[in-house]
Structure formats: C-alpha cells, structure tokens
Protein backbone atom coordinates (compact mmCIF):
# COMPACT_ATOMS: atom_id res chain seq x y z
CA MET A 1 -3.44 102.60 317.31
CA LYS A 2 -4.02 105.00 320.74
CA THR A 3 -0.06 104.67 322.59
CA GLY A 4 -0.58 107.72 324.80
CA PRO A 5 -2.99 109.16 327.32
CA ASN A 6 -6.20 110.49 326.09
CA ALA A 7 -8.11 113.59 327.18
CA SER A 8 -11.62 112.70 328.94
CA PRO A 9 -14.56 113.46 326.53
CA ALA A 10 -15.47 117.18 327.84
CA ASP A 11 -11.63 118.68 327.68
CA SER A 12 -11.10 117.13 323.96
CA LEU A 13 -15.06 118.51 323.22
CA ALA A 14 -13.31 122.31 324.85
CA VAL A 15 -10.36 121.87 322.41
CA VAL A 16 -11.90 122.14 319.57
CA ASP A 17 -14.86 124.31 320.30
CA PRO A 18 -15.24 127.64 318.76
CA ASN A 19 -17.24 128.94 322.59
CA SER A 20 -13.73 127.48 324.41
CA TYR A 21 -11.86 130.37 322.55
CA ALA A 22 -13.79 133.37 323.09
CA ASP A 23 -13.42 132.90 326.76
CA TRP A 24 -10.31 133.33 327.10
CA ASN A 25 -9.30 132.86 330.74
CA SER A 26 -11.57 129.57 330.34
CA ALA A 27 -9.35 128.51 327.66
CA LEU A 28 -5.88 129.31 329.19
CA ASP A 29 -6.95 127.38 332.74
CA LEU A 30 -7.73 124.29 329.57
CA PHE A 31 -4.12 124.31 328.61
CA ASP A 32 -2.79 124.66 331.82
CA ARG A 33 -4.08 121.76 333.39
CA LEU A 34 -3.69 119.26 330.34
CA ARG A 35 -0.51 120.69 330.15
CA GLY A 36 0.20 119.51 333.87
CA GLU A 37 -1.58 115.81 333.07
CA SER A 38 0.53 115.44 329.82
CA PRO A 39 1.47 117.88 327.94
CA VAL A 40 0.72 115.16 324.39
CA VAL A 41 -2.57 114.15 324.73
CA ARG A 42 -5.17 112.22 322.53
CA ILE A 43 -8.13 114.05 321.80
CA GLU A 44 -10.85 111.88 320.96
CA CYS A 45 -14.88 112.74 319.46
CA PRO A 46 -17.47 110.83 321.87
CA ASP A 47 -19.61 110.60 319.16
CA GLY A 48 -16.70 110.46 316.05
CA SER A 49 -17.64 113.72 313.98
CA PHE A 50 -13.95 114.29 313.69
CA ASP A 51 -10.43 111.75 313.63
CA PRO A 52 -8.63 111.75 317.54
CA PHE A 53 -5.54 113.79 317.53
CA TRP A 54 -2.35 113.90 319.28
CA LEU A 55 -2.45 118.05 321.75
CA LEU A 56 1.12 119.23 321.71
CA THR A 57 0.98 122.54 324.87
CA ARG A 58 3.98 122.56 325.56
CA TYR A 59 5.89 125.59 323.94
CA GLU A 60 9.04 123.25 323.11
CA ASP A 61 7.17 120.11 321.71
CA ALA A 62 5.41 123.13 319.75
CA MET A 63 8.91 124.21 318.71
CA ARG A 64 10.08 120.64 317.35
CA VAL A 65 7.23 120.08 315.29
CA SER A 66 7.55 123.72 313.78
CA LYS A 67 10.97 123.28 312.98
CA ASP A 68 10.41 119.38 311.29
CA ASN A 69 8.76 120.20 308.17
CA ALA A 70 10.52 116.88 306.90
CA GLY A 71 8.77 114.37 310.11
CA PHE A 72 5.54 116.37 310.30
CA LEU A 73 4.50 117.64 307.25
CA ASN A 74 1.17 119.66 306.35
CA ALA A 75 -0.61 118.52 303.10
CA PRO A 76 -1.74 114.75 304.61
CA ARG A 77 -4.55 116.26 306.21
CA SER A 78 -6.33 119.33 306.27
CA THR A 79 -3.84 122.10 308.01
CA VAL A 80 -6.17 123.67 310.31
CA PHE A 81 -8.63 120.81 312.44
CA THR A 82 -12.24 120.21 310.59
CA ASN A 83 -14.40 118.01 310.92
CA LYS A 84 -14.77 114.83 309.10
CA ALA A 85 -17.72 116.03 307.06
CA GLY A 86 -15.88 119.45 306.55
CA GLU A 87 -12.83 117.86 305.03
CA ALA A 88 -15.03 115.07 302.61
CA LEU A 89 -17.03 118.63 301.43
CA ALA A 90 -13.11 119.57 301.11
CA ARG A 91 -11.91 116.99 299.08
CA GLU A 92 -15.21 116.66 296.77
CA VAL A 93 -14.85 120.62 295.60
CA THR A 94 -11.06 120.33 294.74
CA ALA A 95 -11.64 117.04 293.21
CA ARG A 96 -13.69 118.74 290.70
CA GLN A 97 -11.40 121.48 290.35
CA GLY A 98 -8.38 119.01 289.31
CA GLU A 99 -6.80 118.34 292.22
CA GLU A 100 -8.21 116.89 295.47
CA SER A 101 -7.04 118.13 298.31
CA PRO A 102 -8.11 117.89 302.31
CA ASN A 103 -7.65 121.63 302.37
CA LEU A 104 -9.97 124.05 300.21
CA VAL A 105 -7.32 126.64 299.72
CA SER A 106 -3.49 125.67 297.50
CA SER A 107 -2.12 127.97 299.86
CA LEU A 108 1.92 128.73 301.03
CA VAL A 109 0.52 127.37 304.95
CA VAL A 110 -0.57 123.91 303.95
CA ILE A 111 1.71 123.38 301.09
CA ASP A 112 5.34 120.96 301.69
CA ALA A 113 8.17 121.16 299.75
CA PRO A 114 9.83 120.86 297.67
CA LYS A 115 7.18 123.42 295.76
CA HIS A 116 6.45 124.66 299.43
CA PRO A 117 10.48 126.87 298.76
CA LYS A 118 9.58 127.51 295.79
CA LEU A 119 6.44 129.29 296.49
CA ARG A 120 7.66 131.41 298.89
CA ARG A 121 10.54 132.27 297.09
CA LEU A 122 7.81 134.60 294.83
CA THR A 123 7.15 137.19 297.11
CA GLN A 124 9.69 136.97 299.90
CA GLU A 125 12.08 139.34 298.79
CA TRP A 126 9.17 141.93 298.92
CA PHE A 127 8.48 141.61 302.12
CA MET A 128 11.78 142.05 303.61
CA PRO A 129 12.17 144.72 305.69
CA LYS A 130 14.70 145.89 303.52
CA ASN A 131 11.71 146.46 300.80
CA LEU A 132 9.61 147.38 303.19
CA ARG A 133 11.12 150.82 303.82
CA ASN A 134 10.12 151.61 300.31
CA ILE A 135 6.37 151.87 301.92
CA GLU A 136 6.89 152.04 305.14
CA ALA A 137 5.98 156.31 305.22
CA ALA A 138 2.93 155.79 303.07
CA ILE A 139 1.47 153.05 306.60
CA ARG A 140 3.05 155.80 308.85
CA ASP A 141 1.01 158.08 306.80
CA LEU A 142 -1.65 156.18 307.51
CA ALA A 143 -1.90 155.07 311.12
CA ILE A 144 -1.55 159.19 311.31
CA LYS A 145 -5.11 159.41 309.50
CA THR A 146 -6.18 156.26 311.12
CA VAL A 147 -5.64 158.03 314.66
CA ASP A 148 -7.20 161.03 313.99
CA ARG A 149 -10.56 159.60 312.74
CA PHE A 150 -10.09 157.53 315.85
CA ILE A 151 -9.75 161.07 318.20
CA GLU A 152 -12.23 162.42 316.20
CA ALA A 153 -15.04 159.28 316.82
CA SER A 154 -14.02 160.03 320.78
CA GLN A 155 -15.72 163.77 320.54
CA GLY A 156 -13.15 164.75 322.42
CA GLY A 157 -13.25 162.09 325.07
CA ASN A 158 -17.14 162.34 325.68
CA GLU A 159 -18.13 159.30 323.39
CA VAL A 160 -17.47 155.40 323.89
CA VAL A 161 -15.19 153.99 320.69
CA ASP A 162 -15.04 150.89 319.63
CA PHE A 163 -10.96 149.87 318.55
CA VAL A 164 -12.07 147.60 316.35
CA PRO A 165 -13.95 148.42 313.19
CA LEU A 166 -12.87 151.82 314.09
CA VAL A 167 -8.52 151.16 313.67
CA ALA A 168 -7.27 147.74 314.52
CA ALA A 169 -9.38 145.80 311.54
CA PRO A 170 -9.45 148.54 308.31
CA TYR A 171 -5.97 149.57 309.18
CA PRO A 172 -4.24 146.31 308.38
CA LEU A 173 -6.69 145.85 306.40
CA HIS A 174 -6.01 149.22 303.72
CA VAL A 175 -2.65 148.03 304.25
CA VAL A 176 -2.17 144.68 302.38
CA MET A 177 -4.62 146.02 299.80
CA GLN A 178 -3.00 148.81 298.86
CA ILE A 179 0.30 145.51 298.48
CA LEU A 180 -2.25 143.42 296.41
CA GLY A 181 -3.32 146.41 294.24
CA VAL A 182 -7.28 145.88 295.37
CA PRO A 183 -8.90 149.32 295.07
CA GLU A 184 -10.27 151.14 297.92
CA ALA A 185 -13.97 150.55 296.99
CA ASP A 186 -13.33 147.10 296.91
CA GLU A 187 -11.55 146.35 300.69
CA PRO A 188 -15.41 146.16 302.67
CA LYS A 189 -15.50 142.80 300.79
CA MET A 190 -12.24 142.02 300.88
CA LEU A 191 -12.95 142.68 305.06
CA PHE A 192 -16.26 140.70 304.86
CA LEU A 193 -15.14 137.55 303.08
CA THR A 194 -12.15 137.36 305.61
CA GLN A 195 -13.98 137.53 308.44
CA GLN A 196 -16.69 134.69 306.38
CA MET A 197 -13.78 132.28 306.21
CA PHE A 198 -11.36 132.65 309.35
CA GLY A 199 -14.61 133.99 311.91
CA GLY A 200 -17.33 131.77 310.10
CA GLN A 201 -17.66 129.99 313.75
CA ASP A 202 -18.79 133.51 314.97
CA GLU A 203 -22.62 134.61 314.15
CA ASP A 204 -21.33 138.49 314.83
CA LEU A 205 -18.12 137.67 312.49
CA SER A 206 -19.92 135.91 309.82
CA GLN A 207 -22.67 137.72 309.57
CA SER A 208 -24.92 134.50 309.94
CA GLY A 209 -26.71 135.89 312.47
CA MET A 210 -26.70 132.33 313.35
CA ALA A 211 -25.41 131.65 317.66
CA GLN A 212 -26.00 128.30 316.50
CA MET A 213 -24.98 126.64 313.63
CA THR A 214 -24.04 123.42 312.33
CA PRO A 215 -20.60 122.08 311.59
CA GLU A 216 -21.82 121.70 308.06
CA MET A 217 -23.58 125.00 307.68
CA ILE A 218 -20.37 126.95 308.37
CA SER A 219 -18.21 125.28 306.49
CA GLN A 220 -20.39 126.24 303.48
CA ILE A 221 -19.94 129.62 304.59
CA VAL A 222 -16.10 129.33 304.94
CA PHE A 223 -16.42 127.42 300.82
CA GLY A 224 -18.68 129.69 299.76
CA ALA A 225 -16.30 132.77 300.93
CA VAL A 226 -13.68 131.33 299.44
CA ALA A 227 -15.12 130.69 295.66
CA GLU A 228 -15.57 134.34 296.04
CA PHE A 229 -12.58 135.27 296.74
CA GLU A 230 -10.95 133.05 293.67
CA THR A 231 -12.85 134.93 291.76
CA TYR A 232 -12.17 137.94 292.28
CA PHE A 233 -8.19 137.06 292.50
CA GLU A 234 -9.09 136.11 289.13
CA GLY A 235 -10.15 139.16 287.67
CA LEU A 236 -7.34 141.45 289.58
CA ALA A 237 -4.75 138.49 288.44
CA ALA A 238 -5.47 139.73 284.67
CA GLN A 239 -5.37 143.08 284.91
CA ARG A 240 -2.61 143.18 286.05
CA ARG A 241 -0.82 140.79 283.02
CA ALA A 242 -2.25 143.09 280.64
CA ASN A 243 -1.33 146.20 283.03
CA PRO A 244 2.34 145.28 285.17
CA THR A 245 2.53 147.65 288.03
CA GLY A 246 5.14 147.15 290.71
CA ASP A 247 2.71 145.47 293.23
CA VAL A 248 2.41 141.79 294.52
CA ALA A 249 -0.65 141.54 292.74
CA THR A 250 1.53 141.72 289.84
CA ILE A 251 3.71 139.54 291.18
CA LEU A 252 1.20 136.11 290.96
CA ALA A 253 -0.08 137.25 288.03
CA THR A 254 3.51 136.45 286.27
CA ALA A 255 4.41 133.87 288.45
CA GLN A 256 6.30 130.88 287.38
CA ILE A 257 7.58 128.39 288.72
CA ASP A 258 10.05 125.49 286.68
CA GLY A 259 9.19 128.24 283.84
CA GLU A 260 5.68 127.12 283.49
CA PRO A 261 3.38 129.20 285.38
CA ILE A 262 1.73 128.64 288.23
CA SER A 263 -1.88 127.13 288.67
CA ALA A 264 -4.73 129.09 288.94
CA ARG A 265 -5.18 127.11 292.24
CA ASP A 266 -2.33 128.03 293.69
CA ARG A 267 -2.38 131.82 292.11
CA ALA A 268 -5.49 132.26 294.06
CA GLY A 269 -4.89 130.16 297.38
CA TYR A 270 -1.30 132.68 297.76
CA TYR A 271 -3.43 135.86 296.70
CA ILE A 272 -6.30 134.61 299.90
CA ILE A 273 -3.20 134.07 302.29
CA VAL A 274 -1.66 137.64 301.89
CA ALA A 275 -5.43 139.14 301.67
CA ALA A 276 -7.13 137.32 304.81
CA ALA A 277 -4.16 136.54 307.11
CA GLY A 278 -1.85 139.66 305.75
CA HIS A 279 -5.07 141.91 307.87
CA ASP A 280 -6.38 139.50 310.39
CA THR A 281 -3.49 138.56 312.56
CA THR A 282 -2.50 142.30 312.81
CA SER A 283 -5.56 143.36 313.44
CA ALA A 284 -5.97 140.75 315.72
CA SER A 285 -3.21 141.65 317.91
CA THR A 286 -2.96 145.49 317.52
CA ALA A 287 -6.46 145.41 319.66
CA GLY A 288 -4.85 142.54 322.03
CA ALA A 289 -2.11 145.08 322.56
CA MET A 290 -4.51 148.24 323.12
CA LEU A 291 -6.61 146.05 326.19
CA ALA A 292 -3.19 145.39 327.99
CA LEU A 293 -2.30 149.43 327.61
CA ALA A 294 -6.02 150.09 328.99
CA GLN A 295 -5.59 147.58 331.55
CA ASP A 296 -2.26 148.78 332.91
CA PRO A 297 -2.22 152.74 332.78
CA GLU A 298 1.23 152.82 334.64
CA GLN A 299 2.18 150.35 331.17
CA PHE A 300 0.65 153.08 329.04
CA ALA A 301 2.25 155.83 331.02
CA ARG A 302 6.23 154.56 330.58
CA ALA A 303 5.69 153.42 326.62
CA LYS A 304 4.11 157.86 325.97
CA ALA A 305 7.25 158.53 327.69
CA ASP A 306 9.50 156.14 326.23
CA ARG A 307 9.10 155.22 322.69
CA SER A 308 11.83 152.44 322.53
CA LEU A 309 9.06 150.58 324.39
CA VAL A 310 7.28 150.15 321.08
CA PRO A 311 8.96 147.40 319.64
CA GLY A 312 8.36 145.51 323.24
CA ILE A 313 4.68 146.12 322.95
CA VAL A 314 4.31 145.12 319.44
CA GLU A 315 6.17 141.77 320.11
CA GLU A 316 4.80 141.12 323.55
CA ALA A 317 0.79 141.40 322.20
CA ILE A 318 1.70 139.21 319.62
CA ARG A 319 2.10 136.61 321.74
CA TRP A 320 -0.52 137.54 324.11
CA THR A 321 -2.99 137.37 321.79
CA SER A 322 -1.76 134.90 319.44
CA PRO A 323 -4.02 135.43 316.49
CA VAL A 324 -3.19 131.91 314.41
CA GLN A 325 -4.10 130.06 317.48
CA HIS A 326 -3.27 126.13 315.65
CA PHE A 327 -1.71 124.88 312.89
CA MET A 328 -2.58 120.77 312.08
CA ARG A 329 0.66 118.23 311.07
CA THR A 330 0.84 114.98 310.11
CA ALA A 331 3.93 112.83 311.34
CA VAL A 332 5.99 110.81 308.71
CA ALA A 333 7.55 107.98 311.44
CA ASP A 334 7.19 106.89 314.42
CA CYS A 335 8.07 108.95 316.81
CA GLN A 336 7.84 109.88 320.85
CA PHE A 337 7.24 112.75 322.66
CA GLY A 338 8.13 111.82 326.66
CA ASP A 339 6.77 108.54 326.85
CA VAL A 340 4.03 108.93 324.62
CA THR A 341 4.38 107.38 320.83
CA VAL A 342 3.05 109.22 317.88
CA ARG A 343 2.62 107.22 314.45
CA ALA A 344 3.20 107.10 311.55
CA GLY A 345 -0.02 109.29 309.67
CA ASP A 346 -0.94 110.67 313.45
CA TRP A 347 -2.21 113.96 313.15
CA LEU A 348 -1.28 116.39 315.60
CA MET A 349 -2.23 119.68 316.80
CA ILE A 350 0.64 122.45 317.23
CA ASN A 351 -1.54 124.75 320.04
CA TYR A 352 0.03 128.20 319.87
CA VAL A 353 -2.46 129.93 322.80
CA ALA A 354 -1.14 126.80 325.26
CA ALA A 355 2.56 126.82 323.55
CA ASN A 356 3.08 131.19 323.79
CA HIS A 357 1.25 130.40 327.53
CA ASP A 358 3.30 127.95 328.88
CA PRO A 359 5.14 129.12 332.31
CA GLU A 360 8.45 126.86 331.16
CA GLN A 361 8.81 129.18 328.66
CA PHE A 362 7.52 132.36 329.69
CA ASP A 363 7.89 133.66 332.93
CA ASN A 364 4.11 134.27 334.14
CA PRO A 365 2.74 134.23 330.58
CA ARG A 366 -0.35 135.62 331.48
CA LYS A 367 0.71 139.14 332.38
CA PHE A 368 1.34 141.67 329.58
CA ASP A 369 4.62 142.76 329.95
CA ALA A 370 6.57 144.74 327.01
CA THR A 371 9.86 144.47 328.77
CA ARG A 372 9.69 141.16 328.47
CA ASP A 373 13.63 139.07 327.97
CA ALA A 374 13.99 137.19 324.60
CA ASN A 375 10.19 137.16 323.71
CA ARG A 376 11.11 134.06 321.35
CA HIS A 377 7.29 133.21 320.80
CA LEU A 378 5.49 131.14 318.58
CA ALA A 379 2.75 132.90 317.20
CA PHE A 380 4.31 133.72 313.86
CA GLY A 381 5.62 129.94 313.73
CA ALA A 382 8.91 128.17 312.62
CA GLY A 383 10.71 127.03 310.70
CA ALA A 384 9.81 126.86 307.24
CA HIS A 385 6.60 127.99 307.38
CA GLN A 386 7.57 131.01 309.74
CA CYS A 387 5.00 133.52 308.65
CA LEU A 388 5.66 134.83 305.53
CA GLY A 389 4.22 138.76 306.29
CA LEU A 390 5.97 139.09 309.93
CA HIS A 391 8.31 141.88 309.01
CA LEU A 392 5.27 143.69 307.74
CA ALA A 393 3.15 142.78 310.58
CA ARG A 394 5.45 144.62 313.71
CA LEU A 395 6.55 147.31 311.17
CA GLU A 396 2.31 148.11 310.96
CA MET A 397 1.79 147.83 314.64
CA ARG A 398 5.03 149.83 315.77
CA LEU A 399 3.64 152.89 314.03
CA LEU A 400 0.50 152.64 314.79
CA PHE A 401 1.35 152.50 318.35
CA GLU A 402 3.97 155.73 317.97
CA ALA A 403 0.44 157.36 316.82
CA LEU A 404 -1.19 156.74 319.18
CA LEU A 405 0.78 157.38 321.77
CA ASP A 406 1.71 160.92 320.05
CA ARG A 407 -2.00 161.87 320.39
CA VAL A 408 -3.72 159.71 323.30
CA ASP A 409 -3.51 160.39 326.25
CA SER A 410 -5.37 158.19 328.51
CA ILE A 411 -7.30 155.24 328.17
CA GLU A 412 -10.15 153.17 329.48
CA LEU A 413 -12.04 150.30 329.27
CA ALA A 414 -15.31 151.55 328.43
CA GLY A 415 -17.39 148.25 328.98
CA GLU A 416 -16.80 144.22 328.58
CA PRO A 417 -14.58 143.32 325.48
CA ARG A 418 -15.35 140.59 323.34
CA ARG A 419 -13.52 137.57 321.78
CA ALA A 420 -14.69 135.92 318.10
CA LYS A 421 -15.75 132.51 318.30
CA SER A 422 -13.31 130.29 316.76
CA THR A 423 -10.73 127.54 317.22
CA PHE A 424 -8.44 128.79 314.14
CA VAL A 425 -7.77 133.23 314.11
CA GLY A 426 -8.73 134.43 316.90
CA GLY A 427 -8.86 137.74 318.71
CA LEU A 428 -11.76 140.97 320.18
CA LYS A 429 -14.27 141.54 318.00
CA THR A 430 -15.26 144.09 320.19
CA LEU A 431 -13.09 146.37 322.63
CA PRO A 432 -15.20 149.53 323.78
CA LEU A 433 -12.90 152.14 325.06
CA ARG A 434 -13.40 155.99 326.67
CA ILE A 435 -10.20 158.04 325.46
CA SER A 436 -8.53 161.64 325.62
CA GLY A 437 -6.51 162.81 323.50
CA HIS A 438 -5.02 165.51 320.82
C-alpha cells in the first residue's frame, strides 16, 4: 500500500543502476534533488523486476533507522538491494544448505538480535583499540614498505602511477589477511573473490570482460565467489582447529554460542565479512583521501607540515567516499517519517552516500575538509550494527598517510580517476598520479 510520494521511473532506475554510482557528481545531484523534493520517497521498478522500497536520503532519517535495530530489521529481506530474481536465487541456494534466507552470506551484517550480539561478541574485543596496539608496529612496517614500493614505481616522478592497485588495494588486504591467518600466496585469490563479490556489477572488477551483464549473470558471478570463499575458509578453519594460533581465524574456528559450536554457515559468513568488507571499504576510503589531497595541494602542504591533521583526513575521507553505499532494512511496524507512512513489512534503503552529503548535517558536504568539526558521519553505520572493524580501518589509514606524508613531496592527478560501477560497495578503481618523493 503506497502512503507517500513516488520517484519518477527514471529516478527509480537511476537509484539502483550501478552506472549511476560511477558518475559520482551526477549521483550526488540526484540525491540532492530527491532529498529536496521528498526526503523519503518510494522507488518502484517500471518493469517489476525488483520490489518497491522507501529511499532515505536525509541524515536524520538514516541515523534513526540505523539505531533502531528493533524497529527496522536486517534479516526478513535482502540486506543489500537485489532484484526479485537475485533474492529467489539466494533463497534457493540457502534452502539447499538447510537454512533458507534472502541473504546468501550469513554474516553479522544480515543477522538480527538475539543472535547478532552473541556472534559479534566473539571477536569484538579483538578489534578494539587496546588489542590493536599489539599489531600496530607490524601495520606501520607494512605501510612504510607499501609507500617504498609506490615511490619506486614512480621512478623519481617520471612514471604515472596508479594508486589503487599499487597502494589502496593491496595494503588493507594484506593487513586483514594477516589477521585472518591467510598465507600471503593466497592474497591475490582473496582480492579476486572480493572484487567478484562486491564488484560483480563492474566488468573490470568482476574480470568478466562484459560491460552489459544481465542481473542474472551478475548473481551467478557473486554466488560463485561466495561458494569459493566458503570452501577456502572451511579448510582454514580445519587447520586452525588442528593447530590453534592467536589469530581471528582460530577464534572463529573454535567459537561457541550458548555451549554449542557455531554453524558452518555462520562461520563462513563471519570469515567472509572480515576478509572482504575488512579491506575493500578501507581501500576505497584510502583512494578517496589520496584523490582529495591530489586535488588540493594546499591541504596536502598543511598535512605535510602538521601530522595532527591526519586523523581528520582519515575521517573526512571515510565520509566523503562512503564506501558502503547503502543497506536495506525491513520495518517491523507502521511508522511515520514526516508526512510519509511506512507500513509494517515495507523495505527501506538507508543511502549512506546521500546521508553523508546532507547539507543539513554537513556544511558544504561535497568539499573535502580535514578540519571539519564534529564529523559524525554514517559511513560506519550506527547502533548495534556499527562496523566491527572501524578502529582497525582508522588505524590502517592513519599509519599509511603518516608514511606517505613523510616520503611524498608532491602529488598531482595524471589522468581521469574512474569509479566502480556498483550499487553496494563503491570507490575508485583507478587513480593515476604523478608524484615526487624521496
């Protein structure tokens, strides 16, 4: 039952079109216009290929839904936007595994209370700042080596270097794989599978070579990647049970809830969310920060002179880039958003890109400002489902940018950066630079 304004067919399709997010300024223009017309608007598919949902573009509404984990659930429907065919396929695959679900991966992202807090507690202490201090020196060492390779590749500023494959992608990947106990030799496989899972809509990232894939083809790529992840991590779990260590893989391999071992599906989902989300999002924010510094030599010079600006650069990059572009929720009961009535069972999209660019919350939101006061962005979510790895992401980025500012003397764009075509996890896939360093 419709109880609020409908977006036009063209706008509805643009909201769910991966290509929209590759054209960043046009996407922000779209969300600004929709927010101005109606902050909560119904998105309907002209051909009926996906179910209707309410799009939230205002920070205040996105924060409300994010924090109300009893009123807006993750699990009843797909937690990431998918069309009807994709959800049906997920239900079919998971039913064969004995637990039908609209979500292919049973991770912290899709599970509700009372199970969610029990699963989260298994690793929560590990990802807190106190424990991360134990690995800070190792991460700093890796950051320095990554910057060394980056400067070496530039050959004294004579070569154009692509920051994404040289720095933004491999650095956080290596950190997370070390935490999980994945051998370095297997890291390329992990990167490939992550790109297939999150970048299935982009022919470069999925490595399909096909610019015009049908939703069914995209689903098959994603499902294949998930199956490979599950097989790999079950093997790793078996190794850790036989030879336990202090890594997160061991915690999960031996984890119990209420005296019972966690299920293979929950364990695989946990590994996948740590492995995939743990590096792809940080990679996107890192590239976003570097783009901003390349576009603003004055801000780069200030940061070189004053390292106290680095945490601000990190936080602003995470807001400005908003790597996780949305999550979906399902309303438990009828509720009001202004004069719009959302009914029990309705599907909603929390659009973090729109929320993090809401001028009511952020002054001049499209400007990258490392000195922005009270940067309470929503890029990590809020409430019970706030990102588990937020302290790790901030630490990784801080250490990398400290190393970069120590060694890089100048940065300039040397070509057109390109963004991923993706409705879910997005960011730059190329960032050509010319740098000088020592």
